Amino acid sequence: MPGLIGIKKGMTNIFTDDGKLIPVSVIETGTCYVYKIRTIEKDGYEAIQMGFGSKKEKKVNKAQLKEYKNLKLNPPRKLKEFRNFDVNTVKPGDEIKVDIFSEGDVVKVSGISKGKGFQGVMRRHGFSGVGGATHGQKDRLRHPGSIGQSSYPSRVLKGTKMAGRMGGDQVTTKGLKIIKIIEDKNIIMVKGAIPGAVNSIVEINK
């Protein structure tokens, strides 16, 4: 579906014309270029391969680097395919700007959520703990409690909610409304929070 790649710059708030204060996430889309076009005849589907940002040439293999130089484009920091673009209206090397969106559009934003390290069951799964420090309980207020059975099946069942690494997952937030677009700065402001840390890459889709 039509979309863009950008960087999460953080959150702020803006006032509407009727005086309401709205929290918004700021996304800078920067320079998004078309690197390749997928067609039904050759690939079986229609899509464009969009690149965002740039990275050092030494981090790209020679075949890819030659392809990018033929397009007169820098090696992209992020490559992503978007479907439902009209492939007949674009060609490799074209720049895709924020004008494909309009204020009031409802979009979904995908990104890698903040990593929170190794967390216990209370934070990771919302457990309430094992109760007060009475009836023989000691230093167990945040423990998970029993995790298995006795005689049968005498093992911990697969998928049991336990402590572990939290965050760092691909997350998509849907139903976000575009409040403001600043075209000359390639800025999109959407209502509410979006996944990811500041300066992390996100994808915006209609």
N, C-alpha and C. Protein backbone atom coordinates (compact mmCIF):
# COMPACT_ATOMS: atom_id res chain seq x y z
N MET A 1 0.84 -1.19 0.00
CA MET A 1 0.00 0.00 0.00
C MET A 1 0.88 1.24 0.00
N PRO A 2 0.37 2.37 -0.50
CA PRO A 2 1.20 3.58 -0.56
C PRO A 2 1.75 3.94 0.81
N GLY A 3 3.02 4.25 0.86
CA GLY A 3 3.60 4.59 2.14
C GLY A 3 4.94 5.28 1.98
N LEU A 4 5.54 5.58 3.12
CA LEU A 4 6.83 6.26 3.17
C LEU A 4 7.65 5.68 4.32
N ILE A 5 8.95 5.92 4.24
CA ILE A 5 9.86 5.55 5.32
C ILE A 5 10.37 6.84 5.95
N GLY A 6 10.47 6.85 7.26
CA GLY A 6 10.93 8.05 7.94
C GLY A 6 11.63 7.75 9.24
N ILE A 7 11.93 8.81 9.97
CA ILE A 7 12.59 8.71 11.27
C ILE A 7 11.69 9.34 12.32
N LYS A 8 11.52 8.65 13.42
CA LYS A 8 10.78 9.22 14.54
C LYS A 8 11.66 10.26 15.23
N LYS A 9 11.19 11.51 15.27
CA LYS A 9 11.96 12.59 15.87
C LYS A 9 11.55 12.88 17.30
N GLY A 10 10.43 12.31 17.74
CA GLY A 10 9.99 12.54 19.11
C GLY A 10 8.52 12.92 19.15
N MET A 11 8.09 13.46 20.28
CA MET A 11 6.69 13.85 20.47
C MET A 11 6.61 15.31 20.92
N THR A 12 5.50 15.93 20.58
CA THR A 12 5.20 17.29 21.03
C THR A 12 3.69 17.42 21.06
N ASN A 13 3.20 18.63 21.16
CA ASN A 13 1.76 18.84 21.08
C ASN A 13 1.48 20.13 20.33
N ILE A 14 0.34 20.17 19.68
CA ILE A 14 -0.05 21.35 18.91
C ILE A 14 -1.49 21.71 19.24
N PHE A 15 -1.83 22.97 19.03
CA PHE A 15 -3.19 23.45 19.25
C PHE A 15 -3.95 23.45 17.92
N THR A 16 -5.21 23.01 17.96
CA THR A 16 -6.06 23.07 16.78
C THR A 16 -6.68 24.47 16.69
N ASP A 17 -7.39 24.71 15.61
CA ASP A 17 -8.02 26.02 15.42
C ASP A 17 -9.06 26.32 16.48
N ASP A 18 -9.69 25.26 17.03
CA ASP A 18 -10.70 25.49 18.06
C ASP A 18 -10.13 25.44 19.47
N GLY A 19 -8.79 25.45 19.58
CA GLY A 19 -8.16 25.56 20.89
C GLY A 19 -7.87 24.26 21.61
N LYS A 20 -8.05 23.12 20.95
CA LYS A 20 -7.78 21.84 21.60
C LYS A 20 -6.28 21.51 21.50
N LEU A 21 -5.76 20.93 22.59
CA LEU A 21 -4.36 20.53 22.63
C LEU A 21 -4.26 19.06 22.25
N ILE A 22 -3.48 18.75 21.20
CA ILE A 22 -3.38 17.38 20.70
C ILE A 22 -1.94 16.91 20.78
N PRO A 23 -1.70 15.76 21.44
CA PRO A 23 -0.34 15.19 21.44
C PRO A 23 -0.04 14.56 20.08
N VAL A 24 1.13 14.84 19.53
CA VAL A 24 1.47 14.32 18.21
C VAL A 24 2.89 13.73 18.22
N SER A 25 3.08 12.75 17.35
CA SER A 25 4.41 12.20 17.09
C SER A 25 4.94 12.83 15.81
N VAL A 26 6.20 13.22 15.82
CA VAL A 26 6.80 13.90 14.67
C VAL A 26 7.65 12.89 13.90
N ILE A 27 7.35 12.78 12.59
CA ILE A 27 8.09 11.86 11.71
C ILE A 27 8.72 12.67 10.59
N GLU A 28 10.02 12.53 10.43
CA GLU A 28 10.73 13.18 9.33
C GLU A 28 10.98 12.15 8.24
N THR A 29 10.34 12.34 7.08
CA THR A 29 10.45 11.35 6.02
C THR A 29 11.72 11.50 5.20
N GLY A 30 12.33 12.67 5.21
CA GLY A 30 13.61 12.84 4.54
C GLY A 30 13.54 12.57 3.05
N THR A 31 14.54 11.88 2.54
CA THR A 31 14.62 11.61 1.10
C THR A 31 14.29 10.14 0.84
N CYS A 32 13.17 9.89 0.19
CA CYS A 32 12.75 8.54 -0.18
C CYS A 32 12.79 8.44 -1.71
N TYR A 33 13.61 7.53 -2.22
CA TYR A 33 13.76 7.39 -3.67
C TYR A 33 13.31 6.00 -4.11
N VAL A 34 12.87 5.91 -5.37
CA VAL A 34 12.50 4.63 -5.97
C VAL A 34 13.77 3.96 -6.47
N TYR A 35 14.05 2.75 -5.96
CA TYR A 35 15.24 2.02 -6.36
C TYR A 35 14.94 0.91 -7.37
N LYS A 36 13.73 0.36 -7.30
CA LYS A 36 13.39 -0.71 -8.23
C LYS A 36 11.88 -0.79 -8.36
N ILE A 37 11.41 -1.26 -9.50
CA ILE A 37 9.98 -1.42 -9.73
C ILE A 37 9.69 -2.89 -10.03
N ARG A 38 8.75 -3.46 -9.28
CA ARG A 38 8.31 -4.83 -9.52
C ARG A 38 7.08 -4.80 -10.43
N THR A 39 7.07 -5.68 -11.43
CA THR A 39 5.95 -5.73 -12.37
C THR A 39 5.35 -7.14 -12.39
N ILE A 40 4.10 -7.22 -12.83
CA ILE A 40 3.42 -8.51 -12.90
C ILE A 40 4.12 -9.42 -13.91
N GLU A 41 4.55 -8.86 -15.04
CA GLU A 41 5.18 -9.67 -16.07
C GLU A 41 6.48 -10.32 -15.59
N LYS A 42 7.25 -9.59 -14.81
CA LYS A 42 8.56 -10.10 -14.39
C LYS A 42 8.54 -10.73 -13.01
N ASP A 43 7.78 -10.14 -12.08
CA ASP A 43 7.84 -10.59 -10.69
C ASP A 43 6.54 -11.21 -10.19
N GLY A 44 5.44 -11.06 -10.95
CA GLY A 44 4.17 -11.64 -10.51
C GLY A 44 3.33 -10.73 -9.66
N TYR A 45 3.84 -9.55 -9.35
CA TYR A 45 3.08 -8.57 -8.57
C TYR A 45 3.64 -7.19 -8.86
N GLU A 46 2.87 -6.17 -8.48
CA GLU A 46 3.30 -4.80 -8.69
C GLU A 46 3.69 -4.16 -7.37
N ALA A 47 4.84 -3.52 -7.35
CA ALA A 47 5.31 -2.83 -6.15
C ALA A 47 6.50 -1.96 -6.54
N ILE A 48 6.82 -1.03 -5.65
CA ILE A 48 8.05 -0.26 -5.82
C ILE A 48 8.95 -0.52 -4.62
N GLN A 49 10.25 -0.56 -4.88
CA GLN A 49 11.23 -0.74 -3.83
C GLN A 49 11.77 0.64 -3.48
N MET A 50 11.46 1.08 -2.27
CA MET A 50 11.81 2.44 -1.85
C MET A 50 13.00 2.40 -0.90
N GLY A 51 13.91 3.34 -1.09
CA GLY A 51 15.06 3.44 -0.22
C GLY A 51 15.02 4.75 0.56
N PHE A 52 15.54 4.69 1.79
CA PHE A 52 15.53 5.87 2.65
C PHE A 52 16.92 6.07 3.24
N GLY A 53 17.35 7.33 3.29
CA GLY A 53 18.63 7.65 3.91
C GLY A 53 19.80 7.14 3.09
N SER A 54 20.95 7.03 3.73
CA SER A 54 22.15 6.55 3.06
C SER A 54 23.08 5.91 4.08
N LYS A 55 23.95 5.04 3.59
CA LYS A 55 24.96 4.42 4.43
C LYS A 55 26.27 4.34 3.66
N LYS A 56 27.34 3.97 4.34
CA LYS A 56 28.66 3.96 3.72
C LYS A 56 28.74 2.89 2.63
N GLU A 57 29.49 3.22 1.59
CA GLU A 57 29.63 2.31 0.46
C GLU A 57 30.31 0.99 0.87
N LYS A 58 31.19 1.04 1.86
CA LYS A 58 31.91 -0.17 2.25
C LYS A 58 30.99 -1.22 2.91
N LYS A 59 29.77 -0.80 3.28
CA LYS A 59 28.82 -1.72 3.89
C LYS A 59 27.90 -2.37 2.85
N VAL A 60 28.17 -2.13 1.56
CA VAL A 60 27.34 -2.66 0.49
C VAL A 60 28.21 -3.52 -0.42
N ASN A 61 27.67 -4.66 -0.89
CA ASN A 61 28.48 -5.49 -1.78
C ASN A 61 28.60 -4.83 -3.16
N LYS A 62 29.54 -5.31 -3.97
CA LYS A 62 29.89 -4.65 -5.22
C LYS A 62 28.73 -4.64 -6.22
N ALA A 63 27.98 -5.75 -6.27
CA ALA A 63 26.87 -5.82 -7.22
C ALA A 63 25.80 -4.77 -6.90
N GLN A 64 25.46 -4.65 -5.62
CA GLN A 64 24.48 -3.65 -5.21
C GLN A 64 25.00 -2.25 -5.45
N LEU A 65 26.27 -2.03 -5.13
CA LEU A 65 26.86 -0.70 -5.29
C LEU A 65 26.83 -0.27 -6.75
N LYS A 66 27.12 -1.20 -7.65
CA LYS A 66 27.08 -0.88 -9.08
C LYS A 66 25.67 -0.50 -9.51
N GLU A 67 24.69 -1.23 -8.99
CA GLU A 67 23.29 -0.94 -9.32
C GLU A 67 22.89 0.45 -8.83
N TYR A 68 23.31 0.81 -7.62
CA TYR A 68 22.98 2.12 -7.07
C TYR A 68 23.67 3.24 -7.85
N LYS A 69 24.92 3.00 -8.25
CA LYS A 69 25.64 4.03 -9.00
C LYS A 69 25.02 4.25 -10.38
N ASN A 70 24.49 3.18 -10.98
CA ASN A 70 23.80 3.34 -12.27
C ASN A 70 22.56 4.20 -12.13
N LEU A 71 21.94 4.15 -10.96
CA LEU A 71 20.76 4.98 -10.69
C LEU A 71 21.15 6.37 -10.19
N LYS A 72 22.47 6.55 -9.94
CA LYS A 72 22.98 7.81 -9.39
C LYS A 72 22.37 8.11 -8.03
N LEU A 73 22.25 7.05 -7.23
CA LEU A 73 21.70 7.16 -5.88
C LEU A 73 22.69 6.58 -4.88
N ASN A 74 22.62 7.08 -3.65
CA ASN A 74 23.46 6.56 -2.58
C ASN A 74 22.92 5.22 -2.07
N PRO A 75 23.77 4.36 -1.53
CA PRO A 75 23.27 3.13 -0.91
C PRO A 75 22.28 3.48 0.21
N PRO A 76 21.08 2.93 0.20
CA PRO A 76 20.06 3.33 1.17
C PRO A 76 20.30 2.73 2.55
N ARG A 77 19.91 3.47 3.55
CA ARG A 77 19.96 2.95 4.91
C ARG A 77 18.88 1.90 5.15
N LYS A 78 17.75 2.08 4.48
CA LYS A 78 16.62 1.16 4.64
C LYS A 78 15.94 0.96 3.29
N LEU A 79 15.68 -0.30 2.93
CA LEU A 79 14.95 -0.62 1.71
C LEU A 79 13.64 -1.31 2.09
N LYS A 80 12.56 -0.91 1.43
CA LYS A 80 11.25 -1.46 1.76
C LYS A 80 10.38 -1.46 0.51
N GLU A 81 9.64 -2.54 0.31
CA GLU A 81 8.72 -2.60 -0.83
C GLU A 81 7.32 -2.15 -0.40
N PHE A 82 6.70 -1.34 -1.24
CA PHE A 82 5.34 -0.86 -1.01
C PHE A 82 4.49 -1.24 -2.22
N ARG A 83 3.36 -1.88 -1.95
CA ARG A 83 2.44 -2.25 -3.02
C ARG A 83 1.36 -1.18 -3.19
N ASN A 84 0.54 -1.38 -4.22
CA ASN A 84 -0.58 -0.48 -4.53
C ASN A 84 -0.13 0.90 -4.99
N PHE A 85 1.14 1.07 -5.29
CA PHE A 85 1.58 2.27 -5.99
C PHE A 85 1.26 2.09 -7.47
N ASP A 86 0.96 3.17 -8.14
CA ASP A 86 0.78 3.12 -9.59
C ASP A 86 2.17 3.09 -10.22
N VAL A 87 2.64 1.89 -10.58
CA VAL A 87 4.01 1.74 -11.07
C VAL A 87 4.22 2.41 -12.42
N ASN A 88 3.14 2.77 -13.09
CA ASN A 88 3.27 3.42 -14.39
C ASN A 88 3.59 4.91 -14.27
N THR A 89 3.46 5.46 -13.07
CA THR A 89 3.68 6.89 -12.88
C THR A 89 5.04 7.21 -12.27
N VAL A 90 5.80 6.16 -11.91
CA VAL A 90 7.12 6.38 -11.31
C VAL A 90 8.16 5.56 -12.06
N LYS A 91 9.42 5.93 -11.86
CA LYS A 91 10.54 5.20 -12.46
C LYS A 91 11.70 5.22 -11.47
N PRO A 92 12.64 4.30 -11.61
CA PRO A 92 13.78 4.29 -10.69
C PRO A 92 14.51 5.62 -10.68
N GLY A 93 14.80 6.12 -9.48
CA GLY A 93 15.46 7.40 -9.31
C GLY A 93 14.52 8.51 -8.91
N ASP A 94 13.20 8.29 -9.05
CA ASP A 94 12.23 9.32 -8.65
C ASP A 94 12.19 9.46 -7.13
N GLU A 95 11.91 10.68 -6.68
CA GLU A 95 11.77 10.95 -5.25
C GLU A 95 10.29 10.92 -4.87
N ILE A 96 9.98 10.23 -3.79
CA ILE A 96 8.62 10.17 -3.26
C ILE A 96 8.55 11.11 -2.06
N LYS A 97 7.63 12.06 -2.11
CA LYS A 97 7.55 13.07 -1.06
C LYS A 97 6.28 12.90 -0.23
N VAL A 98 6.14 13.77 0.77
CA VAL A 98 5.02 13.66 1.70
C VAL A 98 3.69 14.04 1.07
N ASP A 99 3.72 14.56 -0.16
CA ASP A 99 2.46 14.98 -0.76
C ASP A 99 1.57 13.81 -1.16
N ILE A 100 2.05 12.56 -0.98
CA ILE A 100 1.16 11.42 -1.22
C ILE A 100 0.16 11.27 -0.07
N PHE A 101 0.43 11.97 1.04
CA PHE A 101 -0.50 12.00 2.17
C PHE A 101 -1.18 13.36 2.26
N SER A 102 -2.30 13.39 2.95
CA SER A 102 -3.02 14.64 3.19
C SER A 102 -3.39 14.71 4.67
N GLU A 103 -3.53 15.93 5.15
CA GLU A 103 -3.96 16.11 6.54
C GLU A 103 -5.36 15.53 6.70
N GLY A 104 -5.54 14.74 7.76
CA GLY A 104 -6.81 14.05 7.99
C GLY A 104 -6.78 12.59 7.60
N ASP A 105 -5.77 12.16 6.83
CA ASP A 105 -5.65 10.74 6.47
C ASP A 105 -5.43 9.90 7.72
N VAL A 106 -5.97 8.68 7.69
CA VAL A 106 -5.74 7.72 8.77
C VAL A 106 -4.69 6.72 8.30
N VAL A 107 -3.62 6.57 9.06
CA VAL A 107 -2.50 5.75 8.66
C VAL A 107 -2.14 4.77 9.77
N LYS A 108 -1.27 3.83 9.43
CA LYS A 108 -0.68 2.96 10.45
C LYS A 108 0.83 3.10 10.38
N VAL A 109 1.47 3.05 11.53
CA VAL A 109 2.91 3.26 11.61
C VAL A 109 3.55 2.02 12.24
N SER A 110 4.59 1.51 11.57
CA SER A 110 5.30 0.32 12.06
C SER A 110 6.73 0.69 12.42
N GLY A 111 7.24 0.05 13.46
CA GLY A 111 8.61 0.27 13.87
C GLY A 111 9.05 -0.77 14.88
N ILE A 112 10.31 -0.72 15.28
CA ILE A 112 10.85 -1.63 16.30
C ILE A 112 10.68 -0.96 17.66
N SER A 113 9.95 -1.63 18.55
CA SER A 113 9.67 -1.03 19.86
C SER A 113 10.95 -0.92 20.69
N LYS A 114 10.91 -0.07 21.69
CA LYS A 114 12.07 0.13 22.57
C LYS A 114 12.43 -1.17 23.28
N GLY A 115 13.72 -1.49 23.31
CA GLY A 115 14.18 -2.65 24.05
C GLY A 115 14.23 -2.34 25.54
N LYS A 116 13.69 -3.25 26.35
CA LYS A 116 13.62 -3.03 27.80
C LYS A 116 14.45 -4.03 28.59
N GLY A 117 15.21 -4.88 27.88
CA GLY A 117 16.07 -5.83 28.57
C GLY A 117 15.28 -6.98 29.18
N PHE A 118 15.92 -7.68 30.12
CA PHE A 118 15.30 -8.83 30.79
C PHE A 118 14.38 -8.33 31.89
N GLN A 119 13.10 -8.66 31.79
CA GLN A 119 12.11 -8.17 32.75
C GLN A 119 11.36 -9.34 33.40
N GLY A 120 10.86 -9.08 34.60
CA GLY A 120 10.10 -10.09 35.32
C GLY A 120 8.66 -10.18 34.84
N VAL A 121 7.91 -11.11 35.43
CA VAL A 121 6.55 -11.37 34.96
C VAL A 121 5.60 -10.22 35.28
N MET A 122 5.88 -9.43 36.31
CA MET A 122 4.96 -8.35 36.66
C MET A 122 4.98 -7.26 35.60
N ARG A 123 6.16 -6.92 35.11
CA ARG A 123 6.26 -5.89 34.08
C ARG A 123 5.96 -6.47 32.70
N ARG A 124 6.45 -7.67 32.45
CA ARG A 124 6.33 -8.24 31.10
C ARG A 124 4.92 -8.71 30.78
N HIS A 125 4.23 -9.29 31.78
CA HIS A 125 2.91 -9.87 31.53
C HIS A 125 1.80 -9.30 32.41
N GLY A 126 2.15 -8.38 33.30
CA GLY A 126 1.12 -7.77 34.13
C GLY A 126 0.68 -8.62 35.31
N PHE A 127 1.52 -9.55 35.75
CA PHE A 127 1.18 -10.35 36.93
C PHE A 127 1.07 -9.43 38.15
N SER A 128 0.33 -9.87 39.15
CA SER A 128 0.14 -9.06 40.36
C SER A 128 1.01 -9.51 41.52
N GLY A 129 1.89 -10.50 41.30
CA GLY A 129 2.72 -10.98 42.39
C GLY A 129 2.04 -12.11 43.14
N VAL A 130 2.71 -12.63 44.19
CA VAL A 130 2.19 -13.81 44.90
C VAL A 130 1.46 -13.44 46.20
N GLY A 131 1.29 -12.15 46.45
CA GLY A 131 0.56 -11.78 47.65
C GLY A 131 1.45 -11.16 48.70
N GLY A 132 0.90 -10.98 49.88
CA GLY A 132 1.64 -10.33 50.96
C GLY A 132 2.73 -11.21 51.53
N ALA A 133 3.59 -10.63 52.34
CA ALA A 133 4.71 -11.36 52.93
C ALA A 133 4.26 -12.05 54.21
N THR A 134 3.27 -12.93 54.09
CA THR A 134 2.74 -13.66 55.25
C THR A 134 2.66 -15.15 54.91
N HIS A 135 2.33 -15.95 55.90
CA HIS A 135 2.15 -17.41 55.73
C HIS A 135 3.36 -18.06 55.08
N GLY A 136 4.53 -17.69 55.56
CA GLY A 136 5.73 -18.34 55.06
C GLY A 136 6.33 -17.71 53.83
N GLN A 137 5.72 -16.66 53.28
CA GLN A 137 6.29 -16.00 52.10
C GLN A 137 7.49 -15.16 52.53
N LYS A 138 8.54 -15.24 51.75
CA LYS A 138 9.71 -14.43 52.04
C LYS A 138 10.43 -14.11 50.72
N ASP A 139 10.62 -12.81 50.46
CA ASP A 139 11.34 -12.36 49.26
C ASP A 139 10.72 -12.93 47.99
N ARG A 140 9.39 -13.06 47.96
CA ARG A 140 8.74 -13.64 46.79
C ARG A 140 7.63 -12.73 46.25
N LEU A 141 7.63 -11.48 46.62
CA LEU A 141 6.51 -10.62 46.28
C LEU A 141 6.35 -10.44 44.76
N ARG A 142 7.41 -10.49 44.00
CA ARG A 142 7.33 -10.28 42.56
C ARG A 142 7.58 -11.56 41.76
N HIS A 143 7.49 -12.69 42.42
CA HIS A 143 7.76 -13.96 41.74
C HIS A 143 6.54 -14.43 40.95
N PRO A 144 6.73 -15.34 40.02
CA PRO A 144 5.61 -15.79 39.18
C PRO A 144 4.69 -16.79 39.84
N GLY A 145 5.14 -17.46 40.89
CA GLY A 145 4.33 -18.52 41.47
C GLY A 145 4.60 -19.85 40.78
N SER A 146 3.69 -20.79 40.94
CA SER A 146 3.88 -22.12 40.36
C SER A 146 3.88 -22.05 38.84
N ILE A 147 4.78 -22.80 38.20
CA ILE A 147 4.86 -22.78 36.74
C ILE A 147 4.59 -24.15 36.13
N GLY A 148 4.42 -25.19 36.94
CA GLY A 148 4.24 -26.53 36.37
C GLY A 148 3.25 -27.36 37.16
N GLN A 149 3.25 -28.67 36.90
CA GLN A 149 2.34 -29.59 37.56
C GLN A 149 3.16 -30.63 38.33
N SER A 150 2.46 -31.43 39.09
CA SER A 150 3.16 -32.40 39.94
C SER A 150 3.40 -33.72 39.20
N SER A 151 2.42 -34.64 39.22
CA SER A 151 2.65 -35.97 38.64
C SER A 151 2.45 -35.99 37.13
N TYR A 152 1.54 -35.17 36.63
CA TYR A 152 1.28 -35.17 35.18
C TYR A 152 1.00 -33.76 34.70
N PRO A 153 1.61 -33.28 33.66
CA PRO A 153 2.62 -33.98 32.83
C PRO A 153 4.04 -33.81 33.34
N SER A 154 4.20 -33.28 34.53
CA SER A 154 5.52 -33.18 35.17
C SER A 154 6.53 -32.38 34.34
N ARG A 155 6.04 -31.33 33.73
CA ARG A 155 6.94 -30.45 32.97
C ARG A 155 6.28 -29.07 32.85
N VAL A 156 7.05 -28.12 32.43
CA VAL A 156 6.52 -26.78 32.18
C VAL A 156 5.96 -26.74 30.76
N LEU A 157 4.71 -26.35 30.63
CA LEU A 157 4.06 -26.34 29.32
C LEU A 157 4.65 -25.24 28.44
N LYS A 158 4.75 -25.56 27.16
CA LYS A 158 5.28 -24.59 26.20
C LYS A 158 4.36 -23.37 26.14
N GLY A 159 4.94 -22.19 26.14
CA GLY A 159 4.17 -20.96 26.08
C GLY A 159 3.80 -20.38 27.43
N THR A 160 4.25 -21.01 28.52
CA THR A 160 3.97 -20.46 29.85
C THR A 160 4.58 -19.07 29.99
N LYS A 161 3.80 -18.14 30.51
CA LYS A 161 4.28 -16.77 30.67
C LYS A 161 5.31 -16.72 31.80
N MET A 162 6.52 -16.32 31.41
CA MET A 162 7.61 -16.26 32.38
C MET A 162 8.44 -15.00 32.13
N ALA A 163 9.44 -14.82 32.96
CA ALA A 163 10.33 -13.67 32.78
C ALA A 163 11.15 -13.87 31.51
N GLY A 164 11.61 -12.77 30.92
CA GLY A 164 12.41 -12.88 29.71
C GLY A 164 12.67 -11.51 29.11
N ARG A 165 13.28 -11.53 27.94
CA ARG A 165 13.61 -10.28 27.27
C ARG A 165 12.35 -9.60 26.76
N MET A 166 12.27 -8.31 26.93
CA MET A 166 11.07 -7.56 26.59
C MET A 166 11.43 -6.42 25.65
N GLY A 167 10.56 -6.17 24.68
CA GLY A 167 10.78 -5.08 23.74
C GLY A 167 11.61 -5.53 22.55
N GLY A 168 11.91 -4.57 21.68
CA GLY A 168 12.69 -4.88 20.49
C GLY A 168 11.92 -5.69 19.47
N ASP A 169 10.59 -5.54 19.44
CA ASP A 169 9.75 -6.29 18.51
C ASP A 169 9.17 -5.37 17.45
N GLN A 170 8.81 -5.95 16.31
CA GLN A 170 8.12 -5.19 15.28
C GLN A 170 6.70 -4.92 15.74
N VAL A 171 6.34 -3.65 15.83
CA VAL A 171 5.03 -3.25 16.34
C VAL A 171 4.37 -2.31 15.34
N THR A 172 3.07 -2.49 15.12
CA THR A 172 2.31 -1.62 14.24
C THR A 172 1.18 -0.98 15.01
N THR A 173 1.09 0.33 14.95
CA THR A 173 0.00 1.07 15.59
C THR A 173 -0.92 1.58 14.49
N LYS A 174 -2.20 1.17 14.57
CA LYS A 174 -3.15 1.52 13.52
C LYS A 174 -4.06 2.66 13.96
N GLY A 175 -4.76 3.22 12.99
CA GLY A 175 -5.77 4.23 13.28
C GLY A 175 -5.22 5.57 13.71
N LEU A 176 -4.02 5.94 13.24
CA LEU A 176 -3.43 7.22 13.61
C LEU A 176 -3.80 8.28 12.58
N LYS A 177 -4.26 9.39 13.05
CA LYS A 177 -4.71 10.46 12.15
C LYS A 177 -3.60 11.47 11.92
N ILE A 178 -3.38 11.83 10.65
CA ILE A 178 -2.39 12.87 10.33
C ILE A 178 -2.97 14.23 10.68
N ILE A 179 -2.33 14.92 11.61
CA ILE A 179 -2.81 16.22 12.07
C ILE A 179 -2.22 17.35 11.25
N LYS A 180 -0.94 17.25 10.91
CA LYS A 180 -0.29 18.34 10.19
C LYS A 180 0.84 17.81 9.31
N ILE A 181 1.00 18.41 8.14
CA ILE A 181 2.09 18.08 7.23
C ILE A 181 2.86 19.36 6.89
N ILE A 182 4.18 19.32 7.07
CA ILE A 182 5.04 20.44 6.69
C ILE A 182 5.86 19.97 5.49
N GLU A 183 5.40 20.31 4.29
CA GLU A 183 5.99 19.75 3.07
C GLU A 183 7.42 20.20 2.84
N ASP A 184 7.73 21.45 3.12
CA ASP A 184 9.09 21.93 2.83
C ASP A 184 10.14 21.29 3.72
N LYS A 185 9.73 20.72 4.86
CA LYS A 185 10.65 20.05 5.76
C LYS A 185 10.43 18.53 5.81
N ASN A 186 9.51 18.03 4.97
CA ASN A 186 9.19 16.59 4.93
C ASN A 186 8.79 16.06 6.31
N ILE A 187 7.97 16.83 7.01
CA ILE A 187 7.54 16.47 8.36
C ILE A 187 6.07 16.04 8.33
N ILE A 188 5.79 14.91 9.00
CA ILE A 188 4.41 14.46 9.19
C ILE A 188 4.17 14.35 10.69
N MET A 189 3.05 14.93 11.15
CA MET A 189 2.67 14.84 12.56
C MET A 189 1.40 14.01 12.67
N VAL A 190 1.48 12.92 13.43
CA VAL A 190 0.31 12.05 13.61
C VAL A 190 -0.13 12.10 15.06
N LYS A 191 -1.41 11.96 15.28
CA LYS A 191 -1.97 12.04 16.62
C LYS A 191 -1.60 10.79 17.41
N GLY A 192 -1.08 10.98 18.62
CA GLY A 192 -0.76 9.87 19.50
C GLY A 192 0.66 9.40 19.38
N ALA A 193 0.95 8.29 20.06
CA ALA A 193 2.30 7.74 20.13
C ALA A 193 2.51 6.69 19.05
N ILE A 194 3.76 6.55 18.62
CA ILE A 194 4.12 5.53 17.65
C ILE A 194 5.26 4.70 18.22
N PRO A 195 5.45 3.47 17.73
CA PRO A 195 6.50 2.60 18.29
C PRO A 195 7.89 3.09 17.93
N GLY A 196 8.87 2.70 18.74
CA GLY A 196 10.25 3.01 18.44
C GLY A 196 10.84 4.09 19.32
N ALA A 197 12.16 4.10 19.37
CA ALA A 197 12.88 5.14 20.10
C ALA A 197 13.10 6.33 19.20
N VAL A 198 13.54 7.43 19.78
CA VAL A 198 13.84 8.62 18.99
C VAL A 198 14.98 8.29 18.00
N ASN A 199 14.82 8.78 16.78
CA ASN A 199 15.78 8.56 15.68
C ASN A 199 15.75 7.13 15.14
N SER A 200 14.72 6.35 15.48
CA SER A 200 14.60 5.02 14.89
C SER A 200 13.76 5.12 13.61
N ILE A 201 13.93 4.15 12.72
CA ILE A 201 13.23 4.14 11.44
C ILE A 201 11.83 3.59 11.60
N VAL A 202 10.86 4.26 11.00
CA VAL A 202 9.46 3.81 11.02
C VAL A 202 8.92 3.81 9.59
N GLU A 203 7.84 3.06 9.38
CA GLU A 203 7.17 3.00 8.09
C GLU A 203 5.75 3.52 8.26
N ILE A 204 5.34 4.40 7.37
CA ILE A 204 3.99 4.97 7.41
C ILE A 204 3.21 4.42 6.22
N ASN A 205 2.05 3.83 6.49
CA ASN A 205 1.23 3.24 5.43
C ASN A 205 -0.20 3.73 5.52
N LYS A 206 -0.80 3.95 4.35
CA LYS A 206 -2.23 4.29 4.33
C LYS A 206 -3.04 3.06 4.65
